[in-house]
Amino acid sequence: MSIVPTAGKPRQILALLALYPGRVMPVPTLMEEIWGTELPQSALTTLQTYILQLRRRLGTAMGPGAPGAAKGVLATRHGGYLLQIPPEAVDVHEYERLVAEAQQCFEDGEDERAARTYRRALDLWQGPALVDVRVGPILEIEAMRLEESRLVTRERRIDVDLRLGRHAEVTAELMDLIARHPEHEGLHSQAMVALYRSGRQAAALEVYHRLRRRLVDELGVEPSPQLQRLHQAMLAVDPQLDVVSGPRRTSTFDLYAA
């Protein structure tokens, strides 16, 4: 059976404890997540009730052969509670492990393996972070951090794909990403390179001009120097933009970094 409760607040507690396995989560932190700054008078008693409910579900899932074992898994410590499970049992930690492994492959020049491992990390995602959990102030920060991490991981995976000559395969994905993130220079640089290498120089230049108009009109700033240099390189048909002659160990955005 699933140990995940359907009720919102116990689900919140379990999510927060699972994000930090093996670490004591102080009672005030758990209370802030559930109630914010407006604590009810019965906050401590209610929190203890939620912990008991979670232990009951754990105990049922572990079966009659392990009496009292739930208290060992969801343990009480001075000032708080902790979930004693291996980090790899939580998708978030498995995702972060795979990202670190992929980054090492990337730095070692193992592009195929890096691309595969980045994909395995991203395949663990099912919709937005913590989509099925009611989030308070602490989980909200975690969800934002995870969403930003996923975007960075996609960007890195696309960098590897571009180095492997998969520009045609990633073009549609990039056009979707720049529509969702219309001021993200890294993604725009990748879209420009993918289009350019697919023989679509005019479309690549239009991506640049659209971004520049947006930055100038809405923020009053010009694109970064490296993006301007990438634009100039495309106008000059710089051979460094070709897959075979481009630098190996850098991001697409930094092809023309100073």
Protein backbone atom coordinates (compact mmCIF):
# COMPACT_ATOMS: atom_id res chain seq x y z
CA MET A 1 0.00 0.00 0.00
CA SER A 2 1.07 3.61 -0.43
CA ILE A 3 2.13 5.34 2.78
CA VAL A 4 1.37 8.74 1.23
CA PRO A 5 -1.68 10.22 3.03
CA THR A 6 -4.51 11.81 1.07
CA ALA A 7 -5.08 14.56 3.68
CA GLY A 8 -3.25 17.77 2.81
CA LYS A 9 -1.34 18.62 6.00
CA PRO A 10 0.07 15.12 6.77
CA ARG A 11 1.08 14.94 3.11
CA GLN A 12 2.94 18.24 3.53
CA ILE A 13 4.81 16.92 6.57
CA LEU A 14 5.82 13.73 4.77
CA ALA A 15 7.02 15.70 1.73
CA LEU A 16 9.17 18.01 3.88
CA LEU A 17 10.68 15.15 5.89
CA ALA A 18 11.37 13.17 2.69
CA LEU A 19 13.26 16.10 1.14
CA TYR A 20 15.70 15.92 4.07
CA PRO A 21 16.04 12.19 4.94
CA GLY A 22 18.18 11.52 7.98
CA ARG A 23 18.02 15.14 9.14
CA VAL A 24 16.02 16.38 12.09
CA MET A 25 13.25 18.73 10.99
CA PRO A 26 12.58 21.08 13.94
CA VAL A 27 9.02 21.33 15.21
CA PRO A 28 8.84 25.13 14.56
CA THR A 29 9.84 24.54 10.91
CA LEU A 30 7.11 21.92 10.45
CA MET A 31 4.58 24.25 12.07
CA GLU A 32 5.61 27.16 9.84
CA GLU A 33 5.19 24.97 6.76
CA ILE A 34 1.69 23.91 7.77
CA TRP A 35 0.28 27.12 9.27
CA GLY A 36 2.66 29.93 8.29
CA THR A 37 2.94 32.58 10.99
CA GLU A 38 -0.68 32.21 12.19
CA LEU A 39 -0.31 29.22 14.53
CA PRO A 40 -3.50 27.86 16.09
CA GLN A 41 -3.47 27.29 19.85
CA SER A 42 -3.57 23.54 19.31
CA ALA A 43 -0.65 23.55 16.82
CA LEU A 44 1.67 21.25 18.76
CA THR A 45 -1.05 18.73 19.61
CA THR A 46 -2.32 18.73 16.03
CA LEU A 47 1.22 18.23 14.67
CA GLN A 48 1.71 15.25 16.99
CA THR A 49 -1.60 13.82 15.72
CA TYR A 50 -0.36 14.10 12.11
CA ILE A 51 2.88 12.34 13.05
CA LEU A 52 0.87 9.52 14.66
CA GLN A 53 -1.25 9.20 11.51
CA LEU A 54 1.88 8.94 9.37
CA ARG A 55 3.38 6.31 11.68
CA ARG A 56 0.15 4.34 11.54
CA ARG A 57 0.32 4.26 7.72
CA LEU A 58 4.00 3.30 7.88
CA GLY A 59 3.23 0.52 10.34
CA THR A 60 0.42 -0.85 8.15
CA ALA A 61 2.69 -0.80 5.10
CA MET A 62 5.53 -2.55 6.99
CA GLY A 63 3.20 -5.33 8.15
CA PRO A 64 2.60 -7.11 11.46
CA GLY A 65 6.07 -8.67 11.44
CA ALA A 66 7.68 -5.37 12.37
CA PRO A 67 5.90 -4.06 15.48
CA GLY A 68 7.09 -0.61 16.50
CA ALA A 69 9.31 -0.31 13.42
CA ALA A 70 7.42 2.76 12.17
CA LYS A 71 8.77 4.71 15.18
CA GLY A 72 12.27 3.89 13.98
CA VAL A 73 11.56 5.11 10.47
CA LEU A 74 9.70 8.28 11.48
CA ALA A 75 11.68 9.01 14.62
CA THR A 76 11.27 11.59 17.35
CA ARG A 77 14.39 13.53 18.24
CA HIS A 78 14.97 16.41 20.62
CA GLY A 79 13.07 19.34 19.17
CA GLY A 80 11.83 17.62 16.02
CA TYR A 81 11.34 14.58 13.82
CA LEU A 82 13.31 12.81 11.13
CA LEU A 83 12.60 10.28 8.41
CA GLN A 84 15.24 7.54 8.49
CA ILE A 85 15.26 6.30 4.90
CA PRO A 86 18.07 6.05 2.34
CA PRO A 87 18.26 9.18 0.14
CA GLU A 88 17.96 7.06 -3.03
CA ALA A 89 14.46 6.06 -1.89
CA VAL A 90 13.32 9.62 -2.68
CA ASP A 91 12.99 10.65 -6.35
CA VAL A 92 14.46 14.10 -5.66
CA HIS A 93 17.71 12.66 -4.34
CA GLU A 94 17.97 10.07 -7.11
CA TYR A 95 17.44 12.91 -9.62
CA GLU A 96 20.22 14.98 -8.02
CA ARG A 97 22.57 11.98 -7.95
CA LEU A 98 22.02 11.34 -11.66
CA VAL A 99 22.54 15.03 -12.49
CA ALA A 100 25.89 15.00 -10.65
CA GLU A 101 26.88 11.79 -12.48
CA ALA A 102 25.90 13.30 -15.84
CA GLN A 103 27.87 16.46 -15.12
CA GLN A 104 30.97 14.39 -14.38
CA CYS A 105 30.54 12.52 -17.68
CA PHE A 106 30.15 15.90 -19.42
CA GLU A 107 33.40 17.16 -17.91
CA ASP A 108 35.20 13.91 -18.78
CA GLY A 109 34.18 14.22 -22.44
CA GLU A 110 31.79 11.23 -22.34
CA ASP A 111 29.04 13.01 -24.27
CA GLU A 112 26.86 10.01 -25.12
CA ARG A 113 26.85 8.80 -21.53
CA ALA A 114 26.22 12.34 -20.24
CA ALA A 115 23.19 12.76 -22.54
CA ARG A 116 21.79 9.36 -21.47
CA THR A 117 22.25 10.13 -17.77
CA TYR A 118 20.72 13.60 -18.02
CA ARG A 119 17.70 11.97 -19.73
CA ARG A 120 17.37 9.39 -16.95
CA ALA A 121 17.36 12.23 -14.39
CA LEU A 122 14.71 14.20 -16.28
CA ASP A 123 12.59 11.07 -16.83
CA LEU A 124 12.01 10.91 -13.05
CA TRP A 125 9.86 14.04 -13.28
CA GLN A 126 6.08 13.74 -13.50
CA GLY A 127 4.71 17.26 -13.95
CA PRO A 128 5.78 20.26 -11.85
CA ALA A 129 7.70 19.76 -8.60
CA LEU A 130 5.47 18.80 -5.64
CA VAL A 131 2.42 19.14 -7.88
CA ASP A 132 0.29 16.87 -5.68
CA VAL A 133 1.28 18.48 -2.38
CA ARG A 134 -0.21 21.58 -0.76
CA VAL A 135 2.83 23.81 -0.27
CA GLY A 136 3.53 26.25 2.53
CA PRO A 137 6.41 28.75 2.71
CA ILE A 138 9.20 26.17 2.99
CA LEU A 139 7.99 23.68 0.39
CA GLU A 140 7.27 26.59 -1.95
CA ILE A 141 10.97 27.53 -1.89
CA GLU A 142 11.91 23.87 -2.47
CA ALA A 143 9.53 23.63 -5.43
CA MET A 144 11.02 26.77 -6.99
CA ARG A 145 14.55 25.43 -6.46
CA LEU A 146 13.66 22.11 -8.08
CA GLU A 147 11.96 23.75 -11.07
CA GLU A 148 15.04 25.94 -11.63
CA SER A 149 17.25 22.86 -11.32
CA ARG A 150 15.17 21.01 -13.92
CA LEU A 151 15.51 23.90 -16.37
CA VAL A 152 19.30 23.99 -15.88
CA THR A 153 19.47 20.22 -16.37
CA ARG A 154 17.49 20.45 -19.63
CA GLU A 155 19.81 23.22 -20.78
CA ARG A 156 22.88 21.07 -20.03
CA ARG A 157 21.37 18.04 -21.75
CA ILE A 158 20.66 20.13 -24.86
CA ASP A 159 24.27 21.40 -24.79
CA VAL A 160 25.45 17.79 -24.98
CA ASP A 161 22.95 16.97 -27.74
CA LEU A 162 24.20 19.95 -29.75
CA ARG A 163 27.79 18.76 -29.35
CA LEU A 164 26.68 15.35 -30.61
CA GLY A 165 25.22 16.92 -33.76
CA ARG A 166 21.57 16.46 -32.77
CA HIS A 167 20.59 20.02 -33.71
CA ALA A 168 17.60 18.94 -35.81
CA GLU A 169 16.25 16.75 -32.99
CA VAL A 170 16.33 19.51 -30.35
CA THR A 171 15.01 22.43 -32.44
CA ALA A 172 11.30 21.91 -31.67
CA GLU A 173 12.01 21.46 -27.95
CA LEU A 174 14.05 24.68 -27.93
CA MET A 175 11.38 26.70 -29.74
CA ASP A 176 8.90 25.59 -27.06
CA LEU A 177 11.36 26.49 -24.27
CA ILE A 178 12.09 29.99 -25.56
CA ALA A 179 8.35 30.63 -25.87
CA ARG A 180 7.99 29.66 -22.19
CA HIS A 181 11.13 31.57 -21.11
CA PRO A 182 11.19 34.58 -23.44
CA GLU A 183 14.10 36.36 -21.68
CA HIS A 184 16.38 33.34 -21.07
CA GLU A 185 19.56 34.07 -23.04
CA GLY A 186 21.07 30.59 -22.64
CA LEU A 187 18.07 28.88 -24.22
CA HIS A 188 17.97 31.48 -27.00
CA SER A 189 21.65 30.87 -27.79
CA GLN A 190 20.94 27.14 -28.05
CA ALA A 191 17.94 27.74 -30.33
CA MET A 192 20.06 30.01 -32.54
CA VAL A 193 22.82 27.40 -32.86
CA ALA A 194 20.36 24.53 -33.49
CA LEU A 195 18.64 26.50 -36.27
CA TYR A 196 21.93 27.70 -37.78
CA ARG A 197 23.36 24.18 -37.91
CA SER A 198 20.11 22.97 -39.50
CA GLY A 199 20.69 25.39 -42.40
CA ARG A 200 18.16 27.92 -41.11
CA GLN A 201 20.36 30.99 -40.67
CA ALA A 202 17.52 33.50 -41.16
CA ALA A 203 15.41 31.81 -38.48
CA ALA A 204 18.41 31.79 -36.11
CA LEU A 205 18.93 35.52 -36.62
CA GLU A 206 15.21 36.19 -36.10
CA VAL A 207 15.40 34.44 -32.69
CA TYR A 208 18.15 36.90 -31.73
CA HIS A 209 16.25 39.96 -32.97
CA ARG A 210 13.05 38.92 -31.19
CA LEU A 211 14.94 38.50 -27.89
CA ARG A 212 16.79 41.80 -28.37
CA ARG A 213 13.52 43.69 -29.00
CA ARG A 214 12.01 42.22 -25.85
CA LEU A 215 15.05 43.04 -23.68
CA VAL A 216 15.32 46.60 -25.00
CA ASP A 217 11.59 47.35 -24.89
CA GLU A 218 10.79 45.77 -21.52
CA LEU A 219 14.02 45.99 -19.53
CA GLY A 220 15.98 48.69 -21.33
CA VAL A 221 19.06 46.47 -21.74
CA GLU A 222 20.95 44.99 -24.67
CA PRO A 223 21.67 41.24 -24.93
CA SER A 224 24.82 40.06 -23.16
CA PRO A 225 28.20 40.47 -24.91
CA GLN A 226 28.53 36.73 -25.61
CA LEU A 227 25.09 36.61 -27.24
CA GLN A 228 25.95 39.66 -29.35
CA ARG A 229 29.19 37.94 -30.41
CA LEU A 230 27.24 34.77 -31.30
CA HIS A 231 24.95 36.90 -33.48
CA GLN A 232 27.96 38.49 -35.21
CA ALA A 233 29.55 35.07 -35.75
CA MET A 234 26.40 33.88 -37.52
CA LEU A 235 26.40 36.94 -39.77
CA ALA A 236 30.06 36.20 -40.60
CA VAL A 237 29.41 32.43 -41.06
CA ASP A 238 32.15 31.68 -38.53
CA PRO A 239 33.42 28.06 -38.96
CA GLN A 240 33.67 27.80 -35.15
CA LEU A 241 29.88 27.40 -35.17
CA ASP A 242 30.18 24.02 -36.91
CA VAL A 243 29.81 20.98 -34.69
CA VAL A 244 33.19 19.51 -35.59
CA SER A 245 35.25 22.63 -34.98
CA GLY A 246 33.47 24.14 -31.98
CA PRO A 247 35.10 24.03 -28.54
CA ARG A 248 34.31 20.86 -26.62
CA ARG A 249 34.01 21.54 -22.90
CA THR A 250 31.74 24.56 -22.76
CA SER A 251 28.08 25.50 -22.92
CA THR A 252 26.53 26.80 -26.12
CA PHE A 253 25.93 30.13 -24.40
CA ASP A 254 29.68 30.47 -23.75
CA LEU A 255 30.84 29.69 -27.30
CA TYR A 256 31.80 33.36 -27.61
CA ALA A 257 32.43 34.25 -23.98
CA ALA A 258 35.21 36.76 -23.48
